[in-house]
Amino acid sequence: MTRMVIGAAVAAFLALGGLSGRPAGAQQDPVAFLSVDPSPFARTLASEVEVPEGQRSQVRLRKLSETRNPTETVEEWLAKNGLSMNWDWAAIDRTIDAGAFGLPPMAQGLPLDRAVRSPNGAVAGSYGRQGRLIVVAHPGAGQAGLDLSAWTMPPRFVPGDKDYVELETLAMIEGPDKLFVATGHRTYARSSMGLNAFVSAFDPATGKLLWQSDPLVANAGTLVLAGADALIAGYGFTEEPDFLYVLDSRDGTTVQKVPVRSGPETLILKGDRLYVRTYNTDYVFEVKGVQE
């Protein structure tokens, strides 16, 4: 069965009239969007952010429990563990309350599709089904926008699978000086010859790509920041290996890879515990070595 797994950056409030995709008579967008260069689809690192080998993040995960979840709903899992979500996403029968997140409900004629609140109080939202327009809002410091319209298709893919490998924004979170975005397609890695599920870190003030992770590290619906130097992600799919990844958030280096039974779907950090819900198993991990 196929599983569908689901800083400051300040921009002036500028009028962007005449952009394609805006309904006639629609109100002008208050956010100026910076166009981002096409994805490199490869491990990439700007020299100024490289972390010396001996100074890598020391954050590590230690498994505390593992429980199969054949019948428990996500809502029951959240309630049982006293967890709350810091994100929301649109569905066929529901929309996001953009005002609750301090985000505009529309951007260039596209509705808010996903919103997430970061530990530093910043909020990020993606717009449209592919989520290629991203707005970052800092309370009291304005909003900035990134346009990932050039991030459409991987450079290589199985010809018959072209319709399935269009890139989407799968998850995002704003750190103190970086916006972390997971992008990929929702099908088998072989469809794009393994060029899927990267995490990319941007300077939200300039749109510059600071680093891109190895492939196949992030197609879960959430990214988690653990202290000042670690980002936790998850990847899995039918008939593919399933793992959690701890990345050094400063340069994207993988510092730990933890196998799980099935594809991670939701990751929530509560204190020093990481709660992970996968397709069929719930986990609790101790998060060690966090640097605030």
C-alpha atoms as a PDB file:
ATOM      1  CA  MET A   1       0.000   0.000   0.000  1.00  0.00           C
ATOM      2  CA  THR A   2       1.393   3.370  -0.977  1.00  0.00           C
ATOM      3  CA  ARG A   3       1.862   5.806   1.910  1.00  0.00           C
ATOM      4  CA  MET A   4       1.424   9.505   1.282  1.00  0.00           C
ATOM      5  CA  VAL A   5       3.674  11.115   3.787  1.00  0.00           C
ATOM      6  CA  ILE A   6       2.534  13.955   4.305  1.00  0.00           C
ATOM      7  CA  GLY A   7      17.020  36.050  12.106  1.00  0.00           C
ATOM      8  CA  ALA A   8      15.872  38.348  11.418  1.00  0.00           C
ATOM      9  CA  ALA A   9      14.241  38.794   8.069  1.00  0.00           C
ATOM     10  CA  VAL A  10      12.547  42.098   7.489  1.00  0.00           C
ATOM     11  CA  ALA A  11      10.957  43.189   4.231  1.00  0.00           C
ATOM     12  CA  ALA A  12       9.024  46.395   3.620  1.00  0.00           C
ATOM     13  CA  PHE A  13       5.351  46.089   2.860  1.00  0.00           C
ATOM     14  CA  LEU A  14       5.498  46.715  -0.884  1.00  0.00           C
ATOM     15  CA  ALA A  15       2.775  46.752  -3.517  1.00  0.00           C
ATOM     16  CA  LEU A  16       3.316  44.158  -6.238  1.00  0.00           C
ATOM     17  CA  GLY A  17       0.528  44.932  -8.712  1.00  0.00           C
ATOM     18  CA  GLY A  18       0.338  43.179 -12.034  1.00  0.00           C
ATOM     19  CA  LEU A  19       1.684  39.805 -10.912  1.00  0.00           C
ATOM     20  CA  SER A  20       0.301  36.786 -12.737  1.00  0.00           C
ATOM     21  CA  GLY A  21      -2.247  34.670 -10.938  1.00  0.00           C
ATOM     22  CA  ARG A  22      -3.918  37.585  -9.103  1.00  0.00           C
ATOM     23  CA  PRO A  23      -7.693  37.650  -9.433  1.00  0.00           C
ATOM     24  CA  ALA A  24      -9.125  40.797 -11.053  1.00  0.00           C
ATOM     25  CA  GLY A  25      -9.585  43.506  -8.463  1.00  0.00           C
ATOM     26  CA  ALA A  26      -7.755  41.584  -5.761  1.00  0.00           C
ATOM     27  CA  GLN A  27      -5.957  43.513  -3.043  1.00  0.00           C
ATOM     28  CA  GLN A  28      -2.245  43.954  -3.650  1.00  0.00           C
ATOM     29  CA  ASP A  29       0.120  41.692  -1.710  1.00  0.00           C
ATOM     30  CA  PRO A  30       1.823  43.393   1.265  1.00  0.00           C
ATOM     31  CA  VAL A  31       4.918  41.196   0.905  1.00  0.00           C
ATOM     32  CA  ALA A  32       7.828  41.600  -1.506  1.00  0.00           C
ATOM     33  CA  PHE A  33       8.947  38.185  -2.748  1.00  0.00           C
ATOM     34  CA  LEU A  34      12.602  37.427  -3.461  1.00  0.00           C
ATOM     35  CA  SER A  35      13.154  34.947  -6.285  1.00  0.00           C
ATOM     36  CA  VAL A  36      15.313  31.983  -5.257  1.00  0.00           C
ATOM     37  CA  ASP A  37      17.754  30.385  -7.698  1.00  0.00           C
ATOM     38  CA  PRO A  38      16.929  26.832  -8.881  1.00  0.00           C
ATOM     39  CA  SER A  39      17.659  24.012  -6.463  1.00  0.00           C
ATOM     40  CA  PRO A  40      21.056  22.350  -6.898  1.00  0.00           C
ATOM     41  CA  PHE A  41      19.514  18.940  -6.023  1.00  0.00           C
ATOM     42  CA  ALA A  42      22.761  18.029  -4.287  1.00  0.00           C
ATOM     43  CA  ARG A  43      24.566  18.492  -1.010  1.00  0.00           C
ATOM     44  CA  THR A  44      25.547  22.163  -1.119  1.00  0.00           C
ATOM     45  CA  LEU A  45      27.333  24.397   1.354  1.00  0.00           C
ATOM     46  CA  ALA A  46      28.193  28.078   1.281  1.00  0.00           C
ATOM     47  CA  SER A  47      31.764  28.411   2.512  1.00  0.00           C
ATOM     48  CA  GLU A  48      30.882  31.017   5.119  1.00  0.00           C
ATOM     49  CA  VAL A  49      28.630  28.595   7.045  1.00  0.00           C
ATOM     50  CA  GLU A  50      30.886  25.540   7.119  1.00  0.00           C
ATOM     51  CA  VAL A  51      31.325  24.121  10.623  1.00  0.00           C
ATOM     52  CA  PRO A  52      34.715  22.560  11.479  1.00  0.00           C
ATOM     53  CA  GLU A  53      34.582  18.801  11.969  1.00  0.00           C
ATOM     54  CA  GLY A  54      35.388  18.991  15.678  1.00  0.00           C
ATOM     55  CA  GLN A  55      32.637  21.512  16.360  1.00  0.00           C
ATOM     56  CA  ARG A  56      29.637  19.664  14.957  1.00  0.00           C
ATOM     57  CA  SER A  57      26.370  19.554  16.870  1.00  0.00           C
ATOM     58  CA  GLN A  58      26.398  17.053  19.720  1.00  0.00           C
ATOM     59  CA  VAL A  59      22.628  16.541  19.703  1.00  0.00           C
ATOM     60  CA  ARG A  60      21.767  12.852  19.657  1.00  0.00           C
ATOM     61  CA  LEU A  61      18.586  10.792  19.972  1.00  0.00           C
ATOM     62  CA  ARG A  62      18.238   7.880  22.411  1.00  0.00           C
ATOM     63  CA  LYS A  63      15.191   5.682  22.009  1.00  0.00           C
ATOM     64  CA  LEU A  64      13.052   5.355  25.142  1.00  0.00           C
ATOM     65  CA  SER A  65       9.965   3.590  23.810  1.00  0.00           C
ATOM     66  CA  GLU A  66       8.457   2.054  20.693  1.00  0.00           C
ATOM     67  CA  THR A  67       4.742   1.192  20.426  1.00  0.00           C
ATOM     68  CA  ARG A  68       2.708  -0.037  17.475  1.00  0.00           C
ATOM     69  CA  ASN A  69      -0.245   2.246  16.644  1.00  0.00           C
ATOM     70  CA  PRO A  70      -2.660   0.268  14.439  1.00  0.00           C
ATOM     71  CA  THR A  71      -5.848   1.916  15.729  1.00  0.00           C
ATOM     72  CA  GLU A  72      -4.915   5.085  17.641  1.00  0.00           C
ATOM     73  CA  THR A  73      -5.695   8.345  15.846  1.00  0.00           C
ATOM     74  CA  VAL A  74      -3.314  11.297  15.683  1.00  0.00           C
ATOM     75  CA  GLU A  75      -5.653  13.244  17.958  1.00  0.00           C
ATOM     76  CA  GLU A  76      -5.590  10.453  20.536  1.00  0.00           C
ATOM     77  CA  TRP A  77      -1.801  10.268  20.308  1.00  0.00           C
ATOM     78  CA  LEU A  78      -1.506  14.012  20.893  1.00  0.00           C
ATOM     79  CA  ALA A  79      -3.895  13.953  23.852  1.00  0.00           C
ATOM     80  CA  LYS A  80      -2.278  10.907  25.453  1.00  0.00           C
ATOM     81  CA  ASN A  81       1.133  12.551  25.445  1.00  0.00           C
ATOM     82  CA  GLY A  82      -0.032  16.060  26.289  1.00  0.00           C
ATOM     83  CA  LEU A  83       1.194  17.388  22.951  1.00  0.00           C
ATOM     84  CA  SER A  84       0.051  20.311  20.849  1.00  0.00           C
ATOM     85  CA  MET A  85       0.764  21.141  17.239  1.00  0.00           C
ATOM     86  CA  ASN A  86       2.592  24.334  16.277  1.00  0.00           C
ATOM     87  CA  TRP A  87       1.410  24.066  12.681  1.00  0.00           C
ATOM     88  CA  ASP A  88      -1.717  23.768  10.562  1.00  0.00           C
ATOM     89  CA  TRP A  89      -2.437  22.925   6.944  1.00  0.00           C
ATOM     90  CA  ALA A  90      -5.321  23.296   4.547  1.00  0.00           C
ATOM     91  CA  ALA A  91      -7.451  20.419   3.291  1.00  0.00           C
ATOM     92  CA  ILE A  92     -10.258  19.960   0.806  1.00  0.00           C
ATOM     93  CA  ASP A  93     -12.859  20.715   3.460  1.00  0.00           C
ATOM     94  CA  ARG A  94     -11.032  23.278   5.587  1.00  0.00           C
ATOM     95  CA  THR A  95      -8.860  26.377   5.416  1.00  0.00           C
ATOM     96  CA  ILE A  96      -6.234  27.784   7.764  1.00  0.00           C
ATOM     97  CA  ASP A  97      -7.069  30.660  10.096  1.00  0.00           C
ATOM     98  CA  ALA A  98      -4.340  32.928   8.722  1.00  0.00           C
ATOM     99  CA  GLY A  99      -5.042  35.606  11.323  1.00  0.00           C
ATOM    100  CA  ALA A 100      -4.208  33.184  14.140  1.00  0.00           C
ATOM    101  CA  PHE A 101      -0.719  32.876  12.679  1.00  0.00           C
ATOM    102  CA  GLY A 102      -0.325  36.544  11.730  1.00  0.00           C
ATOM    103  CA  LEU A 103       0.002  35.675   8.034  1.00  0.00           C
ATOM    104  CA  PRO A 104      -1.801  37.027   4.970  1.00  0.00           C
ATOM    105  CA  PRO A 105      -4.561  34.663   3.806  1.00  0.00           C
ATOM    106  CA  MET A 106      -3.500  35.038   0.161  1.00  0.00           C
ATOM    107  CA  ALA A 107      -0.249  35.642  -1.721  1.00  0.00           C
ATOM    108  CA  GLN A 108      -0.268  36.404  -5.432  1.00  0.00           C
ATOM    109  CA  GLY A 109      -3.739  34.958  -5.635  1.00  0.00           C
ATOM    110  CA  LEU A 110      -2.783  31.712  -3.887  1.00  0.00           C
ATOM    111  CA  PRO A 111      -4.335  30.650  -0.552  1.00  0.00           C
ATOM    112  CA  LEU A 112      -2.345  29.854   2.572  1.00  0.00           C
ATOM    113  CA  ASP A 113      -1.716  26.106   2.472  1.00  0.00           C
ATOM    114  CA  ARG A 114       0.567  25.462   5.462  1.00  0.00           C
ATOM    115  CA  ALA A 115       1.629  27.502   8.497  1.00  0.00           C
ATOM    116  CA  VAL A 116       4.080  26.764  11.306  1.00  0.00           C
ATOM    117  CA  ARG A 117       5.097  28.686  14.420  1.00  0.00           C
ATOM    118  CA  SER A 118       8.784  28.514  15.345  1.00  0.00           C
ATOM    119  CA  PRO A 119      10.320  28.482  18.836  1.00  0.00           C
ATOM    120  CA  ASN A 120      11.618  32.039  18.312  1.00  0.00           C
ATOM    121  CA  GLY A 121       8.069  33.306  17.744  1.00  0.00           C
ATOM    122  CA  ALA A 122       8.441  33.679  13.993  1.00  0.00           C
ATOM    123  CA  VAL A 123       5.804  32.193  11.716  1.00  0.00           C
ATOM    124  CA  ALA A 124       6.266  30.753   8.231  1.00  0.00           C
ATOM    125  CA  GLY A 125       3.529  30.049   5.732  1.00  0.00           C
ATOM    126  CA  SER A 126       3.488  28.481   2.274  1.00  0.00           C
ATOM    127  CA  TYR A 127       0.939  29.316  -0.406  1.00  0.00           C
ATOM    128  CA  GLY A 128      -0.716  27.226  -3.092  1.00  0.00           C
ATOM    129  CA  ARG A 129      -0.700  23.452  -3.392  1.00  0.00           C
ATOM    130  CA  GLN A 130       3.012  23.291  -4.220  1.00  0.00           C
ATOM    131  CA  GLY A 131       3.853  25.837  -1.518  1.00  0.00           C
ATOM    132  CA  ARG A 132       6.426  27.665  -3.639  1.00  0.00           C
ATOM    133  CA  LEU A 133       5.595  31.087  -2.182  1.00  0.00           C
ATOM    134  CA  ILE A 134       6.749  31.320   1.437  1.00  0.00           C
ATOM    135  CA  VAL A 135       6.131  34.196   3.837  1.00  0.00           C
ATOM    136  CA  VAL A 136       8.081  34.583   7.074  1.00  0.00           C
ATOM    137  CA  ALA A 137       6.559  36.876   9.698  1.00  0.00           C
ATOM    138  CA  HIS A 138       8.410  38.189  12.739  1.00  0.00           C
ATOM    139  CA  PRO A 139       6.155  39.827  15.321  1.00  0.00           C
ATOM    140  CA  GLY A 140       6.882  43.529  15.343  1.00  0.00           C
ATOM    141  CA  ALA A 141       9.518  43.231  12.625  1.00  0.00           C
ATOM    142  CA  GLY A 142       7.545  42.839   9.398  1.00  0.00           C
ATOM    143  CA  GLN A 143       7.328  40.103   6.820  1.00  0.00           C
ATOM    144  CA  ALA A 144       9.585  38.701   4.109  1.00  0.00           C
ATOM    145  CA  GLY A 145       8.798  36.453   1.189  1.00  0.00           C
ATOM    146  CA  LEU A 146      10.672  33.850  -0.832  1.00  0.00           C
ATOM    147  CA  ASP A 147       9.575  32.699  -4.286  1.00  0.00           C
ATOM    148  CA  LEU A 148      10.622  29.112  -5.059  1.00  0.00           C
ATOM    149  CA  SER A 149       8.912  29.061  -8.459  1.00  0.00           C
ATOM    150  CA  ALA A 150      12.184  27.871 -10.019  1.00  0.00           C
ATOM    151  CA  TRP A 151      11.989  24.758  -7.818  1.00  0.00           C
ATOM    152  CA  THR A 152       9.634  22.782 -10.022  1.00  0.00           C
ATOM    153  CA  MET A 153      11.107  19.491 -11.232  1.00  0.00           C
ATOM    154  CA  PRO A 154      14.194  17.411 -10.466  1.00  0.00           C
ATOM    155  CA  PRO A 155      16.747  17.400 -13.290  1.00  0.00           C
ATOM    156  CA  ARG A 156      16.426  13.634 -13.711  1.00  0.00           C
ATOM    157  CA  PHE A 157      13.399  11.390 -13.430  1.00  0.00           C
ATOM    158  CA  VAL A 158      11.881   8.264 -14.889  1.00  0.00           C
ATOM    159  CA  PRO A 159      10.110   9.476 -18.071  1.00  0.00           C
ATOM    160  CA  GLY A 160       6.866   7.729 -17.245  1.00  0.00           C
ATOM    161  CA  ASP A 161       6.810   9.268 -13.743  1.00  0.00           C
ATOM    162  CA  LYS A 162       7.046  12.934 -14.724  1.00  0.00           C
ATOM    163  CA  ASP A 163       3.539  13.668 -13.475  1.00  0.00           C
ATOM    164  CA  TYR A 164       4.467  12.428  -9.989  1.00  0.00           C
ATOM    165  CA  VAL A 165       7.750  14.211  -9.253  1.00  0.00           C
ATOM    166  CA  GLU A 166       6.718  17.873  -9.182  1.00  0.00           C
ATOM    167  CA  LEU A 167       8.262  19.491  -6.121  1.00  0.00           C
ATOM    168  CA  GLU A 168       6.248  20.690  -3.138  1.00  0.00           C
ATOM    169  CA  THR A 169       7.101  22.374   0.129  1.00  0.00           C
ATOM    170  CA  LEU A 170       6.666  19.509   2.592  1.00  0.00           C
ATOM    171  CA  ALA A 171       7.707  21.235   5.837  1.00  0.00           C
ATOM    172  CA  MET A 172       9.416  24.407   7.061  1.00  0.00           C
ATOM    173  CA  ILE A 173      10.546  26.159  10.213  1.00  0.00           C
ATOM    174  CA  GLU A 174      12.299  29.431  10.939  1.00  0.00           C
ATOM    175  CA  GLY A 175      15.457  29.498  13.049  1.00  0.00           C
ATOM    176  CA  PRO A 176      17.274  32.518  14.498  1.00  0.00           C
ATOM    177  CA  ASP A 177      18.945  33.380  11.184  1.00  0.00           C
ATOM    178  CA  LYS A 178      17.765  30.767   8.683  1.00  0.00           C
ATOM    179  CA  LEU A 179      14.578  29.503   7.124  1.00  0.00           C
ATOM    180  CA  PHE A 180      14.621  25.710   6.815  1.00  0.00           C
ATOM    181  CA  VAL A 181      12.473  24.232   4.052  1.00  0.00           C
ATOM    182  CA  ALA A 182      11.943  20.569   3.152  1.00  0.00           C
ATOM    183  CA  THR A 183      11.019  20.072  -0.496  1.00  0.00           C
ATOM    184  CA  GLY A 184      10.242  16.951  -2.456  1.00  0.00           C
ATOM    185  CA  HIS A 185       7.660  14.861  -4.245  1.00  0.00           C
ATOM    186  CA  ARG A 186       5.181  12.445  -2.733  1.00  0.00           C
ATOM    187  CA  THR A 187       6.127   9.223  -4.449  1.00  0.00           C
ATOM    188  CA  TYR A 188       8.975   6.728  -4.665  1.00  0.00           C
ATOM    189  CA  ALA A 189      12.541   8.030  -4.597  1.00  0.00           C
ATOM    190  CA  ARG A 190      13.342   5.957  -7.676  1.00  0.00           C
ATOM    191  CA  SER A 191      10.919   8.117  -9.683  1.00  0.00           C
ATOM    192  CA  SER A 192      13.399  11.001  -9.485  1.00  0.00           C
ATOM    193  CA  MET A 193      16.461   8.758  -9.334  1.00  0.00           C
ATOM    194  CA  GLY A 194      16.917   9.581  -5.668  1.00  0.00           C
ATOM    195  CA  LEU A 195      16.751  13.376  -6.076  1.00  0.00           C
ATOM    196  CA  ASN A 196      14.085  13.906  -3.462  1.00  0.00           C
ATOM    197  CA  ALA A 197      13.367  15.110   0.069  1.00  0.00           C
ATOM    198  CA  PHE A 198      16.146  17.648   0.644  1.00  0.00           C
ATOM    199  CA  VAL A 199      16.267  20.175   3.469  1.00  0.00           C
ATOM    200  CA  SER A 200      17.459  23.607   2.362  1.00  0.00           C
ATOM    201  CA  ALA A 201      18.466  26.540   4.555  1.00  0.00           C
ATOM    202  CA  PHE A 202      17.911  30.075   3.279  1.00  0.00           C
ATOM    203  CA  ASP A 203      18.793  33.538   4.450  1.00  0.00           C
ATOM    204  CA  PRO A 204      15.212  34.874   4.438  1.00  0.00           C
ATOM    205  CA  ALA A 205      16.406  38.470   4.096  1.00  0.00           C
ATOM    206  CA  THR A 206      18.241  37.840   0.811  1.00  0.00           C
ATOM    207  CA  GLY A 207      16.895  34.544  -0.511  1.00  0.00           C
ATOM    208  CA  LYS A 208      20.412  33.100  -0.613  1.00  0.00           C
ATOM    209  CA  LEU A 209      20.731  29.335  -0.283  1.00  0.00           C
ATOM    210  CA  LEU A 210      23.105  28.707   2.621  1.00  0.00           C
ATOM    211  CA  TRP A 211      23.097  24.927   2.451  1.00  0.00           C
ATOM    212  CA  GLN A 212      21.232  21.937   1.128  1.00  0.00           C
ATOM    213  CA  SER A 213      21.278  18.564   2.844  1.00  0.00           C
ATOM    214  CA  ASP A 214      21.865  15.147   1.398  1.00  0.00           C
ATOM    215  CA  PRO A 215      18.801  13.732  -0.387  1.00  0.00           C
ATOM    216  CA  LEU A 216      16.172  11.499   1.204  1.00  0.00           C
ATOM    217  CA  VAL A 217      16.247  13.027   4.680  1.00  0.00           C
ATOM    218  CA  ALA A 218      12.930  14.894   5.011  1.00  0.00           C
ATOM    219  CA  ASN A 219       9.467  14.038   3.740  1.00  0.00           C
ATOM    220  CA  ALA A 220       7.691  14.041   7.099  1.00  0.00           C
ATOM    221  CA  GLY A 221       5.215  16.847   7.639  1.00  0.00           C
ATOM    222  CA  THR A 222       7.350  18.558  10.281  1.00  0.00           C
ATOM    223  CA  LEU A 223      10.863  19.754  11.015  1.00  0.00           C
ATOM    224  CA  VAL A 224      12.060  20.208  14.607  1.00  0.00           C
ATOM    225  CA  LEU A 225      14.692  22.596  15.940  1.00  0.00           C
ATOM    226  CA  ALA A 226      16.649  21.237  18.897  1.00  0.00           C
ATOM    227  CA  GLY A 227      18.593  24.055  20.503  1.00  0.00           C
ATOM    228  CA  ALA A 228      20.957  26.372  18.667  1.00  0.00           C
ATOM    229  CA  ASP A 229      22.661  23.886  16.371  1.00  0.00           C
ATOM    230  CA  ALA A 230      20.416  20.926  15.462  1.00  0.00           C
ATOM    231  CA  LEU A 231      17.510  20.230  13.140  1.00  0.00           C
ATOM    232  CA  ILE A 232      15.609  16.928  13.262  1.00  0.00           C
ATOM    233  CA  ALA A 233      13.862  15.514  10.206  1.00  0.00           C
ATOM    234  CA  GLY A 234      12.402  12.209   9.064  1.00  0.00           C
ATOM    235  CA  TYR A 235      12.167  10.259   5.822  1.00  0.00           C
ATOM    236  CA  GLY A 236      10.418   7.097   4.725  1.00  0.00           C
ATOM    237  CA  PHE A 237       8.215   5.587   2.071  1.00  0.00           C
ATOM    238  CA  THR A 238       6.807   2.235   0.983  1.00  0.00           C
ATOM    239  CA  GLU A 239       9.574  -0.278   0.266  1.00  0.00           C
ATOM    240  CA  GLU A 240      12.230   2.275   1.224  1.00  0.00           C
ATOM    241  CA  PRO A 241      14.396   2.590   4.357  1.00  0.00           C
ATOM    242  CA  ASP A 242      12.819   4.718   7.102  1.00  0.00           C
ATOM    243  CA  PHE A 243      14.954   6.960   9.319  1.00  0.00           C
ATOM    244  CA  LEU A 244      15.116   9.984  11.573  1.00  0.00           C
ATOM    245  CA  TYR A 245      17.956  12.397  10.825  1.00  0.00           C
ATOM    246  CA  VAL A 246      19.718  14.866  13.096  1.00  0.00           C
ATOM    247  CA  LEU A 247      21.361  17.602  11.049  1.00  0.00           C
ATOM    248  CA  ASP A 248      23.739  20.294  12.218  1.00  0.00           C
ATOM    249  CA  SER A 249      21.480  23.260  11.526  1.00  0.00           C
ATOM    250  CA  ARG A 250      24.434  25.529  10.812  1.00  0.00           C
ATOM    251  CA  ASP A 251      25.643  23.673   7.718  1.00  0.00           C
ATOM    252  CA  GLY A 252      23.271  20.754   7.078  1.00  0.00           C
ATOM    253  CA  THR A 253      25.689  17.944   7.917  1.00  0.00           C
ATOM    254  CA  THR A 254      24.024  14.715   9.054  1.00  0.00           C
ATOM    255  CA  VAL A 255      25.290  13.900  12.550  1.00  0.00           C
ATOM    256  CA  GLN A 256      22.951  11.009  13.386  1.00  0.00           C
ATOM    257  CA  LYS A 257      20.728   8.607  11.464  1.00  0.00           C
ATOM    258  CA  VAL A 258      18.218   6.529  13.462  1.00  0.00           C
ATOM    259  CA  PRO A 259      16.211   3.683  11.885  1.00  0.00           C
ATOM    260  CA  VAL A 260      12.467   3.470  12.526  1.00  0.00           C
ATOM    261  CA  ARG A 261       9.884   0.866  11.524  1.00  0.00           C
ATOM    262  CA  SER A 262       8.006   2.997   8.996  1.00  0.00           C
ATOM    263  CA  GLY A 263       7.904   6.457   7.474  1.00  0.00           C
ATOM    264  CA  PRO A 264       7.925   9.313  10.027  1.00  0.00           C
ATOM    265  CA  GLU A 265       4.865  11.531   9.723  1.00  0.00           C
ATOM    266  CA  THR A 266       4.892  13.849  12.740  1.00  0.00           C
ATOM    267  CA  LEU A 267       7.717  14.974  15.033  1.00  0.00           C
ATOM    268  CA  ILE A 268       7.070  17.046  18.183  1.00  0.00           C
ATOM    269  CA  LEU A 269       9.664  18.178  20.721  1.00  0.00           C
ATOM    270  CA  LYS A 270       8.458  18.578  24.321  1.00  0.00           C
ATOM    271  CA  GLY A 271      11.189  19.419  26.793  1.00  0.00           C
ATOM    272  CA  ASP A 272      13.963  16.892  26.223  1.00  0.00           C
ATOM    273  CA  ARG A 273      11.632  14.334  24.650  1.00  0.00           C
ATOM    274  CA  LEU A 274      11.021  13.901  20.927  1.00  0.00           C
ATOM    275  CA  TYR A 275       7.672  12.283  20.152  1.00  0.00           C
ATOM    276  CA  VAL A 276       7.542  10.664  16.736  1.00  0.00           C
ATOM    277  CA  ARG A 277       4.523   9.205  15.005  1.00  0.00           C
ATOM    278  CA  THR A 278       5.264   7.025  12.008  1.00  0.00           C
ATOM    279  CA  TYR A 279       2.929   5.200   9.652  1.00  0.00           C
ATOM    280  CA  ASN A 280       2.423   2.348  12.136  1.00  0.00           C
ATOM    281  CA  THR A 281       4.591   2.996  15.214  1.00  0.00           C
ATOM    282  CA  ASP A 282       4.916   5.647  17.933  1.00  0.00           C
ATOM    283  CA  TYR A 283       8.314   6.489  19.409  1.00  0.00           C
ATOM    284  CA  VAL A 284       9.670   8.565  22.259  1.00  0.00           C
ATOM    285  CA  PHE A 285      13.333   9.613  22.179  1.00  0.00           C
ATOM    286  CA  GLU A 286      15.479  11.425  24.686  1.00  0.00           C
ATOM    287  CA  VAL A 287      17.197  14.392  23.024  1.00  0.00           C
ATOM    288  CA  LYS A 288      20.688  14.740  24.441  1.00  0.00           C
ATOM    289  CA  GLY A 289      23.419  17.334  23.954  1.00  0.00           C
ATOM    290  CA  VAL A 290      21.178  20.311  23.220  1.00  0.00           C
ATOM    291  CA  GLN A 291      22.977  23.678  23.178  1.00  0.00           C
ATOM    292  CA  GLU A 292      20.746  26.660  23.870  1.00  0.00           C
END
